[in-house]
Amino acid sequence: KSHRRAGLIARNTDAEIAEALRIAVSAREPRTAFAVLMGLSGVDVPMASAILTSLNQNRYTIIDWRALEALGVPDWHISLDFYLKHYSPECERLARETGECLRTVDRALWGWSAAKEN
């Protein structure tokens, strides 16, 4: 989204990106999938969550400050441990309770926060 972030991502070679994606897709553990993507320049938890969600919407969900705001999380410093131990399980719980998929849940959380601004 930002020029700075794009510059950081451009530091990765096509081969590095391809290998990271290959490993992330085949990873059995979410921590492994995140770790390999976060090993790329310019990729932290929020971007890794977006990449992983685009690869598997049934397993991953996007984390960002808007979703955290909707959940009432006051401090939105996003760590991998927070995503794995708190955010993802909470989104999975909401998905089960509502009968919706994880992607619908994170879109709804984002939308609630965005609507507050209007």
N, C-alpha and C. Protein backbone atom coordinates (compact mmCIF):
# COMPACT_ATOMS: atom_id res chain seq x y z
N LYS A 1 0.82 -1.20 0.00
CA LYS A 1 0.00 0.00 0.00
C LYS A 1 0.86 1.26 0.00
N SER A 2 2.03 1.18 0.60
CA SER A 2 2.87 2.37 0.66
C SER A 2 4.10 2.20 -0.22
N HIS A 3 4.66 3.32 -0.61
CA HIS A 3 5.87 3.29 -1.43
C HIS A 3 7.03 2.65 -0.68
N ARG A 4 7.12 2.95 0.61
CA ARG A 4 8.19 2.38 1.42
C ARG A 4 8.09 0.86 1.46
N ARG A 5 6.88 0.35 1.69
CA ARG A 5 6.66 -1.10 1.76
C ARG A 5 6.98 -1.73 0.40
N ALA A 6 6.55 -1.10 -0.68
CA ALA A 6 6.82 -1.63 -2.02
C ALA A 6 8.32 -1.70 -2.27
N GLY A 7 9.05 -0.72 -1.79
CA GLY A 7 10.50 -0.73 -1.94
C GLY A 7 11.14 -1.87 -1.18
N LEU A 8 10.63 -2.15 0.01
CA LEU A 8 11.15 -3.26 0.79
C LEU A 8 10.86 -4.59 0.11
N ILE A 9 9.67 -4.74 -0.39
CA ILE A 9 9.29 -5.99 -1.06
C ILE A 9 10.11 -6.19 -2.32
N ALA A 10 10.44 -5.11 -3.01
CA ALA A 10 11.23 -5.20 -4.24
C ALA A 10 12.63 -5.75 -3.99
N ARG A 11 13.07 -5.76 -2.74
CA ARG A 11 14.38 -6.31 -2.41
C ARG A 11 14.42 -7.83 -2.55
N ASN A 12 13.26 -8.47 -2.56
CA ASN A 12 13.20 -9.92 -2.70
C ASN A 12 13.31 -10.30 -4.17
N THR A 13 14.02 -11.38 -4.43
CA THR A 13 14.09 -11.86 -5.81
C THR A 13 12.85 -12.67 -6.12
N ASP A 14 12.57 -12.84 -7.41
CA ASP A 14 11.44 -13.66 -7.82
C ASP A 14 11.59 -15.08 -7.28
N ALA A 15 12.82 -15.58 -7.30
CA ALA A 15 13.07 -16.94 -6.80
C ALA A 15 12.78 -17.05 -5.31
N GLU A 16 13.17 -16.03 -4.55
CA GLU A 16 12.89 -16.04 -3.10
C GLU A 16 11.39 -16.02 -2.83
N ILE A 17 10.69 -15.20 -3.56
CA ILE A 17 9.24 -15.11 -3.39
C ILE A 17 8.58 -16.43 -3.76
N ALA A 18 8.97 -16.98 -4.89
CA ALA A 18 8.38 -18.26 -5.34
C ALA A 18 8.63 -19.37 -4.33
N GLU A 19 9.85 -19.44 -3.81
CA GLU A 19 10.16 -20.49 -2.84
C GLU A 19 9.40 -20.29 -1.54
N ALA A 20 9.32 -19.05 -1.08
CA ALA A 20 8.58 -18.77 0.15
C ALA A 20 7.11 -19.15 -0.01
N LEU A 21 6.52 -18.82 -1.15
CA LEU A 21 5.12 -19.18 -1.39
C LEU A 21 4.95 -20.69 -1.46
N ARG A 22 5.87 -21.39 -2.10
CA ARG A 22 5.79 -22.85 -2.20
C ARG A 22 5.83 -23.48 -0.81
N ILE A 23 6.74 -23.01 0.02
CA ILE A 23 6.86 -23.55 1.38
C ILE A 23 5.63 -23.19 2.21
N ALA A 24 5.17 -21.95 2.10
CA ALA A 24 4.01 -21.51 2.88
C ALA A 24 2.76 -22.32 2.53
N VAL A 25 2.56 -22.58 1.25
CA VAL A 25 1.39 -23.34 0.82
C VAL A 25 1.42 -24.77 1.35
N SER A 26 2.60 -25.35 1.41
CA SER A 26 2.70 -26.75 1.84
C SER A 26 2.92 -26.90 3.35
N ALA A 27 3.06 -25.82 4.07
CA ALA A 27 3.33 -25.89 5.51
C ALA A 27 2.14 -26.52 6.25
N ARG A 28 2.47 -27.40 7.15
CA ARG A 28 1.42 -28.04 7.96
C ARG A 28 1.01 -27.14 9.12
N GLU A 29 1.96 -26.35 9.61
CA GLU A 29 1.70 -25.49 10.76
C GLU A 29 1.60 -24.03 10.33
N PRO A 30 0.59 -23.29 10.80
CA PRO A 30 0.48 -21.88 10.46
C PRO A 30 1.73 -21.08 10.82
N ARG A 31 2.36 -21.38 11.96
CA ARG A 31 3.56 -20.64 12.35
C ARG A 31 4.66 -20.77 11.29
N THR A 32 4.78 -21.94 10.70
CA THR A 32 5.77 -22.17 9.65
C THR A 32 5.45 -21.34 8.42
N ALA A 33 4.18 -21.34 8.03
CA ALA A 33 3.77 -20.58 6.84
C ALA A 33 4.04 -19.09 7.05
N PHE A 34 3.68 -18.58 8.21
CA PHE A 34 3.94 -17.17 8.52
C PHE A 34 5.44 -16.89 8.54
N ALA A 35 6.20 -17.75 9.21
CA ALA A 35 7.63 -17.50 9.39
C ALA A 35 8.36 -17.41 8.05
N VAL A 36 8.02 -18.28 7.13
CA VAL A 36 8.72 -18.25 5.84
C VAL A 36 8.37 -16.98 5.07
N LEU A 37 7.12 -16.56 5.12
CA LEU A 37 6.74 -15.32 4.43
C LEU A 37 7.34 -14.10 5.11
N MET A 38 7.39 -14.13 6.44
CA MET A 38 7.96 -13.00 7.17
C MET A 38 9.48 -12.94 7.03
N GLY A 39 10.06 -13.98 6.50
CA GLY A 39 11.48 -13.96 6.19
C GLY A 39 11.79 -13.12 4.95
N LEU A 40 10.77 -12.80 4.19
CA LEU A 40 10.94 -11.93 3.03
C LEU A 40 11.01 -10.47 3.49
N SER A 41 11.77 -9.70 2.81
CA SER A 41 11.86 -8.27 3.10
C SER A 41 10.51 -7.61 2.88
N GLY A 42 10.08 -6.80 3.87
CA GLY A 42 8.85 -6.04 3.73
C GLY A 42 7.59 -6.77 4.13
N VAL A 43 7.70 -8.00 4.62
CA VAL A 43 6.51 -8.76 4.99
C VAL A 43 6.49 -8.96 6.50
N ASP A 44 5.42 -8.47 7.14
CA ASP A 44 5.21 -8.69 8.56
C ASP A 44 3.87 -9.42 8.72
N VAL A 45 3.40 -9.57 9.91
CA VAL A 45 2.21 -10.37 10.18
C VAL A 45 1.00 -9.94 9.34
N PRO A 46 0.64 -8.66 9.29
CA PRO A 46 -0.55 -8.29 8.51
C PRO A 46 -0.45 -8.68 7.03
N MET A 47 0.69 -8.42 6.41
CA MET A 47 0.83 -8.77 5.00
C MET A 47 0.87 -10.28 4.81
N ALA A 48 1.58 -10.97 5.70
CA ALA A 48 1.62 -12.43 5.61
C ALA A 48 0.22 -13.00 5.76
N SER A 49 -0.59 -12.43 6.66
CA SER A 49 -1.96 -12.92 6.83
C SER A 49 -2.78 -12.69 5.55
N ALA A 50 -2.56 -11.58 4.88
CA ALA A 50 -3.28 -11.31 3.62
C ALA A 50 -2.85 -12.29 2.53
N ILE A 51 -1.55 -12.55 2.45
CA ILE A 51 -1.05 -13.50 1.44
C ILE A 51 -1.61 -14.89 1.72
N LEU A 52 -1.51 -15.33 2.98
CA LEU A 52 -1.99 -16.66 3.33
C LEU A 52 -3.50 -16.79 3.14
N THR A 53 -4.23 -15.73 3.44
CA THR A 53 -5.68 -15.76 3.23
C THR A 53 -6.00 -15.89 1.75
N SER A 54 -5.23 -15.22 0.91
CA SER A 54 -5.48 -15.34 -0.54
C SER A 54 -5.17 -16.76 -1.04
N LEU A 55 -4.30 -17.46 -0.33
CA LEU A 55 -3.95 -18.82 -0.71
C LEU A 55 -4.91 -19.86 -0.13
N ASN A 56 -5.47 -19.58 1.06
CA ASN A 56 -6.35 -20.55 1.71
C ASN A 56 -7.29 -19.83 2.68
N GLN A 57 -8.46 -19.45 2.19
CA GLN A 57 -9.43 -18.70 2.99
C GLN A 57 -10.11 -19.54 4.05
N ASN A 58 -9.97 -20.83 3.98
CA ASN A 58 -10.57 -21.69 5.00
C ASN A 58 -9.66 -21.88 6.21
N ARG A 59 -8.39 -21.51 6.05
CA ARG A 59 -7.42 -21.73 7.12
C ARG A 59 -6.91 -20.44 7.76
N TYR A 60 -6.88 -19.35 6.98
CA TYR A 60 -6.29 -18.10 7.45
C TYR A 60 -7.29 -16.97 7.33
N THR A 61 -7.02 -15.91 8.09
CA THR A 61 -7.85 -14.71 8.03
C THR A 61 -6.94 -13.48 8.14
N ILE A 62 -7.36 -12.40 7.56
CA ILE A 62 -6.54 -11.19 7.52
C ILE A 62 -6.66 -10.43 8.85
N ILE A 63 -5.52 -10.01 9.35
CA ILE A 63 -5.51 -9.19 10.57
C ILE A 63 -5.07 -7.78 10.20
N ASP A 64 -5.77 -6.82 10.70
CA ASP A 64 -5.37 -5.42 10.55
C ASP A 64 -5.99 -4.61 11.68
N TRP A 65 -5.64 -3.36 11.75
CA TRP A 65 -6.09 -2.54 12.87
C TRP A 65 -7.60 -2.38 12.89
N ARG A 66 -8.24 -2.37 11.73
CA ARG A 66 -9.69 -2.20 11.70
C ARG A 66 -10.39 -3.42 12.31
N ALA A 67 -9.93 -4.60 11.97
CA ALA A 67 -10.53 -5.82 12.55
C ALA A 67 -10.31 -5.83 14.06
N LEU A 68 -9.13 -5.44 14.48
CA LEU A 68 -8.85 -5.41 15.92
C LEU A 68 -9.72 -4.38 16.63
N GLU A 69 -9.93 -3.24 15.99
CA GLU A 69 -10.81 -2.22 16.57
C GLU A 69 -12.22 -2.79 16.74
N ALA A 70 -12.70 -3.50 15.75
CA ALA A 70 -14.04 -4.08 15.81
C ALA A 70 -14.17 -5.10 16.94
N LEU A 71 -13.07 -5.76 17.25
CA LEU A 71 -13.07 -6.75 18.33
C LEU A 71 -12.82 -6.11 19.70
N GLY A 72 -12.58 -4.81 19.71
CA GLY A 72 -12.36 -4.12 20.97
C GLY A 72 -10.95 -4.27 21.51
N VAL A 73 -10.01 -4.56 20.64
CA VAL A 73 -8.61 -4.69 21.08
C VAL A 73 -8.00 -3.29 21.09
N PRO A 74 -7.68 -2.76 22.27
CA PRO A 74 -7.24 -1.37 22.37
C PRO A 74 -5.84 -1.11 21.82
N ASP A 75 -4.93 -2.04 21.99
CA ASP A 75 -3.56 -1.86 21.53
C ASP A 75 -3.35 -2.78 20.36
N TRP A 76 -3.20 -2.22 19.19
CA TRP A 76 -3.13 -3.08 18.02
C TRP A 76 -1.72 -3.32 17.51
N HIS A 77 -0.78 -3.53 18.46
CA HIS A 77 0.53 -4.04 18.06
C HIS A 77 0.32 -5.50 17.68
N ILE A 78 0.61 -5.83 16.45
CA ILE A 78 0.28 -7.16 15.93
C ILE A 78 1.53 -8.03 15.90
N SER A 79 1.50 -9.08 16.71
CA SER A 79 2.61 -10.05 16.71
C SER A 79 2.09 -11.38 16.17
N LEU A 80 3.02 -12.23 15.78
CA LEU A 80 2.63 -13.55 15.31
C LEU A 80 1.96 -14.35 16.43
N ASP A 81 2.51 -14.28 17.63
CA ASP A 81 1.89 -14.99 18.75
C ASP A 81 0.46 -14.51 18.99
N PHE A 82 0.24 -13.20 18.91
CA PHE A 82 -1.11 -12.67 19.10
C PHE A 82 -2.05 -13.22 18.02
N TYR A 83 -1.59 -13.21 16.78
CA TYR A 83 -2.42 -13.73 15.69
C TYR A 83 -2.77 -15.19 15.94
N LEU A 84 -1.77 -16.02 16.25
CA LEU A 84 -1.97 -17.46 16.38
C LEU A 84 -2.75 -17.85 17.63
N LYS A 85 -2.50 -17.17 18.74
CA LYS A 85 -3.10 -17.57 20.02
C LYS A 85 -4.42 -16.88 20.33
N HIS A 86 -4.65 -15.71 19.75
CA HIS A 86 -5.83 -14.94 20.12
C HIS A 86 -6.71 -14.57 18.93
N TYR A 87 -6.13 -13.89 17.94
CA TYR A 87 -6.93 -13.36 16.85
C TYR A 87 -7.55 -14.46 15.99
N SER A 88 -6.73 -15.37 15.50
CA SER A 88 -7.25 -16.43 14.64
C SER A 88 -8.28 -17.29 15.37
N PRO A 89 -8.02 -17.73 16.61
CA PRO A 89 -9.06 -18.51 17.30
C PRO A 89 -10.37 -17.73 17.50
N GLU A 90 -10.27 -16.43 17.76
CA GLU A 90 -11.48 -15.61 17.93
C GLU A 90 -12.25 -15.52 16.62
N CYS A 91 -11.55 -15.34 15.52
CA CYS A 91 -12.22 -15.29 14.22
C CYS A 91 -12.84 -16.65 13.88
N GLU A 92 -12.14 -17.72 14.21
CA GLU A 92 -12.69 -19.06 13.98
C GLU A 92 -13.96 -19.27 14.81
N ARG A 93 -13.95 -18.79 16.05
CA ARG A 93 -15.13 -18.89 16.90
C ARG A 93 -16.30 -18.12 16.29
N LEU A 94 -16.03 -16.90 15.84
CA LEU A 94 -17.08 -16.10 15.22
C LEU A 94 -17.61 -16.77 13.95
N ALA A 95 -16.73 -17.38 13.18
CA ALA A 95 -17.15 -18.08 11.97
C ALA A 95 -18.07 -19.25 12.32
N ARG A 96 -17.69 -20.01 13.33
CA ARG A 96 -18.53 -21.14 13.76
C ARG A 96 -19.90 -20.65 14.25
N GLU A 97 -19.89 -19.62 15.08
CA GLU A 97 -21.15 -19.11 15.65
C GLU A 97 -22.08 -18.54 14.60
N THR A 98 -21.52 -17.91 13.59
CA THR A 98 -22.35 -17.26 12.57
C THR A 98 -22.61 -18.15 11.36
N GLY A 99 -21.85 -19.24 11.24
CA GLY A 99 -22.00 -20.11 10.07
C GLY A 99 -21.37 -19.51 8.83
N GLU A 100 -20.52 -18.51 9.01
CA GLU A 100 -19.85 -17.85 7.89
C GLU A 100 -18.41 -18.34 7.79
N CYS A 101 -17.78 -18.07 6.67
CA CYS A 101 -16.38 -18.44 6.49
C CYS A 101 -15.48 -17.36 7.13
N LEU A 102 -14.23 -17.71 7.34
CA LEU A 102 -13.29 -16.77 7.95
C LEU A 102 -13.18 -15.48 7.14
N ARG A 103 -13.19 -15.58 5.83
CA ARG A 103 -13.05 -14.38 5.00
C ARG A 103 -14.23 -13.43 5.21
N THR A 104 -15.41 -13.97 5.34
CA THR A 104 -16.58 -13.13 5.60
C THR A 104 -16.46 -12.47 6.96
N VAL A 105 -15.95 -13.18 7.94
CA VAL A 105 -15.76 -12.61 9.28
C VAL A 105 -14.79 -11.45 9.23
N ASP A 106 -13.62 -11.62 8.59
CA ASP A 106 -12.67 -10.50 8.61
C ASP A 106 -13.18 -9.33 7.79
N ARG A 107 -13.93 -9.59 6.73
CA ARG A 107 -14.53 -8.48 5.98
C ARG A 107 -15.56 -7.74 6.82
N ALA A 108 -16.34 -8.49 7.59
CA ALA A 108 -17.35 -7.86 8.44
C ALA A 108 -16.69 -7.02 9.53
N LEU A 109 -15.63 -7.54 10.13
CA LEU A 109 -14.91 -6.77 11.15
C LEU A 109 -14.36 -5.48 10.55
N TRP A 110 -13.73 -5.59 9.39
CA TRP A 110 -13.18 -4.42 8.71
C TRP A 110 -14.30 -3.42 8.40
N GLY A 111 -15.41 -3.94 7.87
CA GLY A 111 -16.52 -3.08 7.50
C GLY A 111 -17.13 -2.35 8.68
N TRP A 112 -17.22 -3.03 9.83
CA TRP A 112 -17.76 -2.37 11.02
C TRP A 112 -16.90 -1.18 11.40
N SER A 113 -15.59 -1.37 11.39
CA SER A 113 -14.69 -0.28 11.74
C SER A 113 -14.77 0.87 10.73
N ALA A 114 -14.79 0.53 9.46
CA ALA A 114 -14.86 1.56 8.41
C ALA A 114 -16.16 2.34 8.50
N ALA A 115 -17.26 1.67 8.82
CA ALA A 115 -18.56 2.33 8.90
C ALA A 115 -18.62 3.32 10.06
N LYS A 116 -17.83 3.07 11.11
CA LYS A 116 -17.79 3.99 12.24
C LYS A 116 -17.30 5.37 11.84
N GLU A 117 -16.48 5.43 10.81
CA GLU A 117 -15.92 6.72 10.37
C GLU A 117 -16.95 7.58 9.65
N ASN A 118 -17.97 6.96 9.15
CA ASN A 118 -18.97 7.71 8.35
C ASN A 118 -20.07 8.26 9.18
